Amino acid sequence: MDKWMFVVPLSLILLGGCASDGMQRYSQAPTAQRQVTDRQELDGNWTVYAIGPRAVDQRFSPRLAFGDLQRVGGDAGCNRFMGRFELDESGGLIVSDLKVTRRICPDAIMVQEALLLSRLKAVKIGRLTAEGDLLLYHDDQALPIRLRPDLGARVSTANSGPASLSRG
């Protein structure tokens, strides 16, 4: 009987570990948000820390920048990208004309990158939190792409090719 007291709890722990899908989940209580109303609120460098419910793998943390001439660009984790963005009078945010390099990386990074790029192409609204984070929503009911200001990186959106990222 004593043997079973240890086997059953150990089995439950091991089975619980097998049920995991390996994806890091992100959860945080909602904070006060306000809609982005001016293009200058987007200007600068941002680091992605969550895509919907998925926490970003920090070893391959995507970065992006909104810049002059309504350009957006950055590093999606493996590949670089460059496109355009538009902020309309009602606060709607549209990302378009994304061009992406075509490098191949490990599967986990490619999955994270594909998720980021598909959601980025579908963004409809941007909101800022009281903490200064940027939330990009593609659907009112879905969790957003979450970004925080990145003061240590510079993403150049000055040319017409993919954005170049450098650390300061």
Protein backbone atom coordinates (compact mmCIF):
# COMPACT_ATOMS: atom_id res chain seq x y z
CA MET A 1 0.00 0.00 0.00
CA ASP A 2 2.84 2.43 0.80
CA LYS A 3 4.25 1.86 -2.67
CA TRP A 4 1.00 3.13 -4.30
CA MET A 5 1.04 6.35 -2.26
CA PHE A 6 4.14 7.41 -4.21
CA VAL A 7 3.34 5.91 -7.61
CA VAL A 8 -0.05 7.60 -8.13
CA PRO A 9 1.10 11.22 -7.45
CA LEU A 10 4.27 10.68 -9.50
CA SER A 11 2.19 9.33 -12.42
CA LEU A 12 -0.09 12.37 -12.33
CA ILE A 13 2.90 14.71 -12.43
CA LEU A 14 4.44 12.87 -15.37
CA LEU A 15 1.17 12.72 -17.30
CA GLY A 16 0.57 16.42 -16.72
CA GLY A 17 3.98 17.16 -18.24
CA CYS A 18 3.10 15.11 -21.33
CA ALA A 19 -0.12 17.07 -21.87
CA SER A 20 1.77 20.33 -22.39
CA ASP A 21 2.13 21.57 -25.96
CA GLY A 22 5.51 23.15 -25.21
CA MET A 23 4.21 26.67 -25.88
CA GLN A 24 4.91 29.28 -23.24
CA ARG A 25 1.65 30.97 -22.33
CA TYR A 26 1.40 34.69 -21.65
CA SER A 27 -1.21 36.04 -19.31
CA GLN A 28 -1.52 39.38 -17.61
CA ALA A 29 -4.43 41.22 -16.13
CA PRO A 30 -5.77 43.91 -18.48
CA THR A 31 -4.47 47.41 -17.86
CA ALA A 32 -5.89 50.78 -18.79
CA GLN A 33 -5.61 51.34 -22.55
CA ARG A 34 -6.16 54.19 -24.93
CA GLN A 35 -6.32 54.13 -28.70
CA VAL A 36 -3.35 55.37 -30.74
CA THR A 37 -4.49 58.61 -32.37
CA ASP A 38 -1.24 60.13 -33.67
CA ARG A 39 1.45 58.54 -35.85
CA GLN A 40 4.14 59.97 -33.58
CA GLU A 41 2.92 57.74 -30.74
CA LEU A 42 4.10 54.77 -32.80
CA ASP A 43 7.49 56.24 -33.79
CA GLY A 44 10.46 54.36 -32.45
CA ASN A 45 11.67 50.87 -31.70
CA TRP A 46 9.55 48.16 -30.10
CA THR A 47 10.25 44.64 -28.83
CA VAL A 48 7.53 42.00 -29.15
CA TYR A 49 7.05 40.05 -25.91
CA ALA A 50 3.79 38.22 -26.63
CA ILE A 51 1.77 37.25 -29.68
CA GLY A 52 -1.78 36.57 -28.55
CA PRO A 53 -1.59 34.03 -25.71
CA ARG A 54 1.93 32.99 -26.69
CA ALA A 55 4.98 34.40 -24.89
CA VAL A 56 7.82 35.13 -27.31
CA ASP A 57 11.01 33.06 -27.15
CA GLN A 58 13.40 35.72 -25.80
CA ARG A 59 16.37 34.16 -27.61
CA PHE A 60 14.76 35.22 -30.90
CA SER A 61 12.76 38.22 -29.75
CA PRO A 62 11.13 40.03 -32.68
CA ARG A 63 11.62 43.79 -32.95
CA LEU A 64 9.97 46.38 -35.09
CA ALA A 65 10.04 50.10 -35.70
CA PHE A 66 7.54 52.59 -37.01
CA GLY A 67 9.29 55.39 -38.83
CA ASP A 68 9.19 58.25 -41.29
CA LEU A 69 7.08 58.11 -44.43
CA GLN A 70 4.74 55.68 -42.68
CA ARG A 71 7.16 52.76 -42.91
CA VAL A 72 7.35 49.82 -40.58
CA GLY A 73 10.17 47.31 -40.47
CA GLY A 74 12.13 45.04 -38.24
CA ASP A 75 13.31 41.57 -37.37
CA ALA A 76 10.59 38.91 -37.09
CA GLY A 77 12.88 36.48 -35.21
CA CYS A 78 14.58 34.90 -38.21
CA ASN A 79 13.80 37.12 -41.16
CA ARG A 80 13.70 40.86 -41.63
CA PHE A 81 10.65 42.63 -42.94
CA MET A 82 9.66 46.02 -44.30
CA GLY A 83 6.27 47.50 -45.15
CA ARG A 84 3.96 50.44 -44.77
CA PHE A 85 1.48 51.48 -42.12
CA GLU A 86 -1.44 53.83 -42.09
CA LEU A 87 -3.30 55.41 -39.19
CA ASP A 88 -6.71 56.73 -40.18
CA GLU A 89 -8.84 59.45 -38.55
CA SER A 90 -10.87 56.95 -36.54
CA GLY A 91 -7.71 55.39 -35.04
CA GLY A 92 -7.65 52.36 -37.31
CA LEU A 93 -4.16 51.01 -37.97
CA ILE A 94 -3.35 49.14 -41.17
CA VAL A 95 -0.05 47.40 -41.96
CA SER A 96 0.42 46.63 -45.66
CA ASP A 97 2.89 45.74 -48.40
CA LEU A 98 5.07 43.60 -46.13
CA LYS A 99 8.22 42.29 -47.79
CA VAL A 100 10.11 39.55 -45.95
CA THR A 101 13.53 37.98 -46.46
CA ARG A 102 13.54 34.18 -46.89
CA ARG A 103 15.96 32.62 -44.44
CA ILE A 104 15.24 29.27 -42.83
CA CYS A 105 15.58 28.85 -39.08
CA PRO A 106 14.61 26.16 -36.54
CA ASP A 107 10.93 25.17 -36.64
CA ALA A 108 10.02 26.82 -33.32
CA ILE A 109 11.28 30.19 -34.52
CA MET A 110 9.61 29.84 -37.92
CA VAL A 111 6.28 29.08 -36.24
CA GLN A 112 6.65 32.13 -33.97
CA GLU A 113 7.61 34.28 -36.95
CA ALA A 114 4.71 33.07 -39.12
CA LEU A 115 2.27 33.82 -36.30
CA LEU A 116 3.70 37.32 -35.82
CA LEU A 117 3.66 38.18 -39.53
CA SER A 118 0.15 36.86 -40.13
CA ARG A 119 -1.21 38.85 -37.18
CA LEU A 120 0.79 41.94 -38.13
CA LYS A 121 -0.73 41.86 -41.64
CA ALA A 122 -4.20 41.70 -40.06
CA VAL A 123 -3.78 44.52 -37.50
CA LYS A 124 -6.80 46.81 -37.30
CA ILE A 125 -6.15 48.95 -34.22
CA GLY A 126 -3.30 50.02 -31.94
CA ARG A 127 -3.65 50.86 -28.27
CA LEU A 128 -1.19 52.13 -25.66
CA THR A 129 -1.23 50.99 -22.04
CA ALA A 130 -0.58 53.13 -18.98
CA GLU A 131 2.82 51.38 -18.73
CA GLY A 132 3.76 52.52 -22.26
CA ASP A 133 3.31 49.16 -24.00
CA LEU A 134 1.84 49.02 -27.50
CA LEU A 135 -0.96 46.52 -28.17
CA LEU A 136 -1.75 45.66 -31.78
CA TYR A 137 -5.18 44.07 -32.24
CA HIS A 138 -6.25 42.14 -35.33
CA ASP A 139 -9.63 41.27 -33.81
CA ASP A 140 -11.55 42.81 -30.91
CA GLN A 141 -12.04 39.38 -29.31
CA ALA A 142 -8.43 38.15 -29.72
CA LEU A 143 -5.41 38.81 -27.55
CA PRO A 144 -3.07 41.38 -29.15
CA ILE A 145 0.54 41.44 -30.22
CA ARG A 146 2.22 43.00 -27.17
CA LEU A 147 5.24 45.26 -27.57
CA ARG A 148 7.32 47.37 -25.23
CA PRO A 149 9.62 50.26 -26.12
CA ASP A 150 13.12 49.09 -27.04
CA LEU A 151 15.57 51.85 -26.31
CA GLY A 152 18.63 49.64 -27.00
CA ALA A 153 17.92 48.81 -30.67
CA ARG A 154 17.74 50.89 -33.78
CA VAL A 155 15.73 49.68 -36.74
CA SER A 156 16.31 51.59 -39.94
CA THR A 157 13.30 52.03 -42.20
CA ALA A 158 15.05 54.57 -44.41
CA ASN A 159 15.59 52.46 -47.55
CA SER A 160 13.18 50.48 -49.66
CA GLY A 161 14.61 47.05 -48.78
CA PRO A 162 14.04 45.03 -45.62
CA ALA A 163 14.68 46.92 -42.40
CA SER A 164 18.08 46.68 -40.81
CA LEU A 165 18.40 46.21 -37.07
CA SER A 166 21.40 47.22 -34.99
CA ARG A 167 22.05 47.25 -31.27
CA GLY A 168 23.04 50.58 -29.75
